[in-house]
Amino acid sequence: MKLSIIIPCYNEISTIEKIVEKIKTNYKDIHEIIIVDDFSTDGTRQKIENLNVDRVIYNDSNYGKGFSIRKGIEQASGNIILIQDADLEYEPQDYYKLIAPIKEGSADVVYGSRFIGSSQKRVLFFWHRVFNYFLTLLSNMFTDLNLTDMECGYKLFKHDVIKNINLEENRFGFEPEITAKISKLDIKIYEVGVQYHGRDYSQGKKITWKDGIAAVYCIFKYNLFK
């Protein structure tokens, strides 16, 4: 099966080269790597120009993660499409176990989870964990799924599944939106525990409480009104 990796990227000059190297080192069966730069202003664009990847998309403004993922999906041609954040919070060593349920024919969609399994997890913010739990619980109440980590950055889709979903959210609302929309399909969804090397705000973490409020809005919007 051909794997397309989409890397949405905004102001990640210190990590973008490292994550591409990690991907190539840890997983050999890659069909394509697509970087979508969301109008970075810190020199990331110049660094990307020197990377050996299959395709780079340069947004003409800072639209957000969801917009960048959407642009990457439009260009992806692999059988499996995987979302990889441009920072170093998630570990490409986990690709094999994330992809396994799809390769084995058991799953159509696979979510990573930072909260199950025995993989390494960096200990960080208590209230972030509480709010992640709340968002996942609220999402599960409407979707009737039993996910443990709806907001996890690792999500994999069969090509035919994700290509046929009309995505709308431009920012971090992508996570509750895609979860709501796949829950309405007759597909098999799996969850796999992953490593998590979380970073704090001094290291470039971007999601804020405002994105959490927006996620609540998206849970209601895409489960009740879409």
Protein backbone atom coordinates (compact mmCIF):
# COMPACT_ATOMS: atom_id res chain seq x y z
CA MET A 1 0.00 0.00 0.00
CA LYS A 2 1.23 3.50 -0.83
CA LEU A 3 1.59 5.92 2.10
CA SER A 4 1.11 9.66 1.64
CA ILE A 5 2.33 11.80 4.55
CA ILE A 6 0.92 15.30 4.92
CA ILE A 7 2.87 17.73 7.10
CA PRO A 8 1.00 20.98 7.86
CA CYS A 9 3.61 23.50 8.95
CA TYR A 10 3.66 27.00 10.44
CA ASN A 11 6.79 28.63 11.89
CA GLU A 12 8.66 25.39 12.66
CA ILE A 13 12.16 26.37 11.56
CA SER A 14 13.80 24.39 14.38
CA THR A 15 11.93 21.12 13.75
CA ILE A 16 10.83 20.80 10.11
CA GLU A 17 14.12 19.35 8.88
CA LYS A 18 14.34 17.00 11.87
CA ILE A 19 10.85 15.58 11.43
CA VAL A 20 11.46 14.87 7.73
CA GLU A 21 14.71 13.09 8.64
CA LYS A 22 12.90 11.06 11.32
CA ILE A 23 10.19 10.03 8.88
CA LYS A 24 12.71 8.81 6.31
CA THR A 25 14.82 7.04 8.93
CA ASN A 26 11.99 5.23 10.66
CA TYR A 27 9.69 4.26 7.79
CA LYS A 28 11.00 3.14 4.41
CA ASP A 29 7.81 2.37 2.47
CA ILE A 30 6.81 6.00 1.74
CA HIS A 31 4.98 6.92 -1.45
CA GLU A 32 5.18 10.69 -0.92
CA ILE A 33 5.83 13.41 1.64
CA ILE A 34 3.77 16.58 1.18
CA ILE A 35 4.62 19.68 3.21
CA VAL A 36 2.01 22.43 3.36
CA ASP A 37 3.57 25.65 4.65
CA ASP A 38 0.94 27.93 6.15
CA PHE A 39 2.71 31.24 5.34
CA SER A 40 5.58 30.84 7.83
CA THR A 41 7.48 34.01 8.69
CA ASP A 42 10.42 32.64 10.71
CA GLY A 43 12.56 31.25 7.87
CA THR A 44 10.78 27.89 7.68
CA ARG A 45 9.94 28.44 4.01
CA GLN A 46 13.58 28.91 3.10
CA LYS A 47 14.53 25.75 4.99
CA ILE A 48 11.81 23.73 3.26
CA GLU A 49 13.25 24.69 -0.13
CA ASN A 50 16.33 22.60 0.70
CA LEU A 51 14.45 19.51 1.85
CA ASN A 52 14.13 16.43 -0.33
CA VAL A 53 10.37 15.90 -0.27
CA ASP A 54 7.93 15.05 -3.02
CA ARG A 55 5.75 18.14 -2.96
CA VAL A 56 5.57 21.49 -1.17
CA ILE A 57 2.47 23.67 -1.08
CA TYR A 58 2.91 27.30 -0.05
CA ASN A 59 -0.23 28.97 1.29
CA ASP A 60 -0.55 32.64 0.37
CA SER A 61 -1.73 33.55 3.87
CA ASN A 62 -1.86 32.02 7.35
CA TYR A 63 -5.13 30.08 7.09
CA GLY A 64 -4.65 27.38 9.73
CA LYS A 65 -3.96 23.67 10.22
CA GLY A 66 -7.29 22.45 8.87
CA PHE A 67 -6.92 24.47 5.67
CA SER A 68 -3.38 23.10 5.20
CA ILE A 69 -4.50 19.51 5.73
CA ARG A 70 -7.27 20.00 3.21
CA LYS A 71 -4.80 21.28 0.60
CA GLY A 72 -2.52 18.32 1.28
CA ILE A 73 -5.36 15.82 0.92
CA GLU A 74 -6.26 17.32 -2.46
CA GLN A 75 -2.74 16.54 -3.71
CA ALA A 76 -2.21 13.17 -2.00
CA SER A 77 -2.26 10.07 -4.21
CA GLY A 78 -1.41 7.26 -1.77
CA ASN A 79 -3.73 4.44 -0.62
CA ILE A 80 -3.24 5.62 2.98
CA ILE A 81 -3.08 9.27 4.02
CA LEU A 82 -1.37 10.09 7.31
CA ILE A 83 -1.30 13.47 9.11
CA GLN A 84 2.07 14.30 10.69
CA ASP A 85 2.59 17.48 12.73
CA ALA A 86 5.73 19.44 11.85
CA ASP A 87 6.96 19.60 15.45
CA LEU A 88 8.58 16.67 17.27
CA GLU A 89 5.70 15.81 19.60
CA TYR A 90 4.78 12.65 17.68
CA GLU A 91 7.19 9.86 16.81
CA PRO A 92 7.39 8.37 13.29
CA GLN A 93 8.60 5.12 14.88
CA ASP A 94 4.90 4.52 15.52
CA TYR A 95 3.99 4.42 11.81
CA TYR A 96 4.18 0.63 11.61
CA LYS A 97 1.66 0.01 14.38
CA LEU A 98 -0.58 2.88 13.21
CA ILE A 99 -0.74 1.53 9.67
CA ALA A 100 -1.08 -2.15 10.68
CA PRO A 101 -4.89 -2.18 11.22
CA ILE A 102 -5.43 -0.76 7.71
CA LYS A 103 -2.89 -3.08 6.06
CA GLU A 104 -4.47 -6.07 7.79
CA GLY A 105 -7.89 -5.08 6.47
CA SER A 106 -9.31 -4.41 9.94
CA ALA A 107 -9.67 -0.62 9.73
CA ASP A 108 -10.57 2.21 7.39
CA VAL A 109 -9.45 4.96 9.78
CA VAL A 110 -6.89 4.85 12.60
CA TYR A 111 -6.47 7.41 15.38
CA GLY A 112 -3.42 7.62 17.57
CA SER A 113 -3.94 8.02 21.31
CA ARG A 114 -1.63 9.65 23.82
CA PHE A 115 -3.57 8.15 26.70
CA ILE A 116 -3.54 4.39 26.10
CA GLY A 117 -0.75 1.84 25.75
CA SER A 118 2.72 1.63 27.27
CA SER A 119 4.52 4.04 24.92
CA GLN A 120 6.54 6.96 26.28
CA LYS A 121 4.61 10.10 27.21
CA ARG A 122 6.13 13.37 28.39
CA VAL A 123 4.49 14.61 31.60
CA LEU A 124 3.08 18.08 30.99
CA PHE A 125 0.02 20.22 31.70
CA PHE A 126 -2.69 18.82 34.00
CA TRP A 127 -5.44 21.17 32.80
CA HIS A 128 -4.65 20.45 29.15
CA ARG A 129 -5.22 16.77 29.93
CA VAL A 130 -8.49 17.54 31.69
CA PHE A 131 -9.75 19.63 28.77
CA ASN A 132 -8.63 17.00 26.25
CA TYR A 133 -10.62 14.45 28.22
CA PHE A 134 -13.64 16.76 28.27
CA LEU A 135 -13.50 17.38 24.51
CA THR A 136 -13.15 13.67 23.76
CA LEU A 137 -16.00 12.81 26.14
CA LEU A 138 -18.26 15.47 24.63
CA SER A 139 -17.42 14.30 21.11
CA ASN A 140 -18.05 10.67 22.06
CA MET A 141 -21.46 11.54 23.51
CA PHE A 142 -22.59 12.80 20.10
CA THR A 143 -20.72 10.37 17.82
CA ASP A 144 -21.30 7.27 19.97
CA LEU A 145 -17.63 6.36 19.52
CA ASN A 146 -15.42 5.29 22.43
CA LEU A 147 -12.26 7.20 21.53
CA THR A 148 -9.77 8.10 24.24
CA ASP A 149 -8.02 10.95 22.39
CA MET A 150 -10.11 12.71 19.75
CA GLU A 151 -7.57 15.56 19.55
CA CYS A 152 -4.52 13.38 18.83
CA GLY A 153 -2.45 14.68 15.91
CA TYR A 154 -1.91 11.22 14.42
CA LYS A 155 -4.81 10.30 12.15
CA LEU A 156 -4.69 7.89 9.18
CA PHE A 157 -7.31 7.37 6.52
CA LYS A 158 -7.88 5.14 3.59
CA HIS A 159 -7.68 7.29 0.48
CA ASP A 160 -11.30 6.65 -0.54
CA VAL A 161 -12.62 7.61 2.91
CA ILE A 162 -10.94 10.99 3.37
CA LYS A 163 -11.20 12.05 -0.26
CA ASN A 164 -14.98 11.77 -0.13
CA ILE A 165 -15.45 13.91 2.99
CA ASN A 166 -16.17 17.60 2.55
CA LEU A 167 -13.91 19.31 5.10
CA GLU A 168 -14.63 22.90 6.10
CA GLU A 169 -12.65 23.92 9.19
CA ASN A 170 -9.49 25.98 8.64
CA ARG A 171 -7.94 25.82 12.10
CA PHE A 172 -7.79 23.21 14.87
CA GLY A 173 -11.51 22.52 14.44
CA PHE A 174 -10.39 19.90 11.91
CA GLU A 175 -10.14 17.31 14.73
CA PRO A 176 -13.78 17.41 15.99
CA GLU A 177 -15.07 18.01 12.45
CA ILE A 178 -13.43 14.94 10.91
CA THR A 179 -14.42 12.84 13.94
CA ALA A 180 -18.07 13.85 13.61
CA LYS A 181 -18.11 13.17 9.88
CA ILE A 182 -16.44 9.74 9.96
CA SER A 183 -18.77 8.66 12.78
CA LYS A 184 -21.67 8.96 10.34
CA LEU A 185 -20.07 6.60 7.81
CA ASP A 186 -20.26 2.83 7.67
CA ILE A 187 -16.55 2.33 8.30
CA LYS A 188 -14.23 0.65 10.80
CA ILE A 189 -12.32 2.95 13.16
CA TYR A 190 -9.36 1.83 15.27
CA GLU A 191 -7.25 3.55 17.94
CA VAL A 192 -3.56 2.85 18.67
CA GLY A 193 -1.44 4.06 21.59
CA VAL A 194 1.44 6.32 20.50
CA GLN A 195 4.45 8.03 21.99
CA TYR A 196 4.05 11.69 22.92
CA HIS A 197 6.94 14.10 23.43
CA GLY A 198 4.81 17.15 24.20
CA ARG A 199 6.29 20.63 24.14
CA ASP A 200 5.42 23.75 26.12
CA TYR A 201 4.74 27.25 24.86
CA SER A 202 8.37 28.34 25.16
CA GLN A 203 9.19 25.56 22.66
CA GLY A 204 6.60 26.75 20.13
CA LYS A 205 3.32 25.10 21.17
CA LYS A 206 0.53 27.02 19.42
CA ILE A 207 -2.85 25.67 20.51
CA THR A 208 -4.57 27.83 23.16
CA TRP A 209 -7.74 27.89 25.24
CA LYS A 210 -9.46 29.76 22.40
CA ASP A 211 -8.96 26.72 20.17
CA GLY A 212 -10.53 24.61 22.91
CA ILE A 213 -13.64 26.78 22.91
CA ALA A 214 -13.74 26.57 19.12
CA ALA A 215 -13.52 22.76 19.38
CA VAL A 216 -16.62 22.70 21.60
CA TYR A 217 -18.46 24.79 19.02
CA CYS A 218 -17.37 22.41 16.24
CA ILE A 219 -18.54 19.36 18.18
CA PHE A 220 -22.06 20.80 18.37
CA LYS A 221 -21.94 22.19 14.82
CA TYR A 222 -20.90 19.03 12.99
CA ASN A 223 -22.82 16.55 15.09
CA LEU A 224 -26.12 18.41 15.36
CA PHE A 225 -26.39 20.74 12.41
CA LYS A 226 -24.32 19.21 9.57
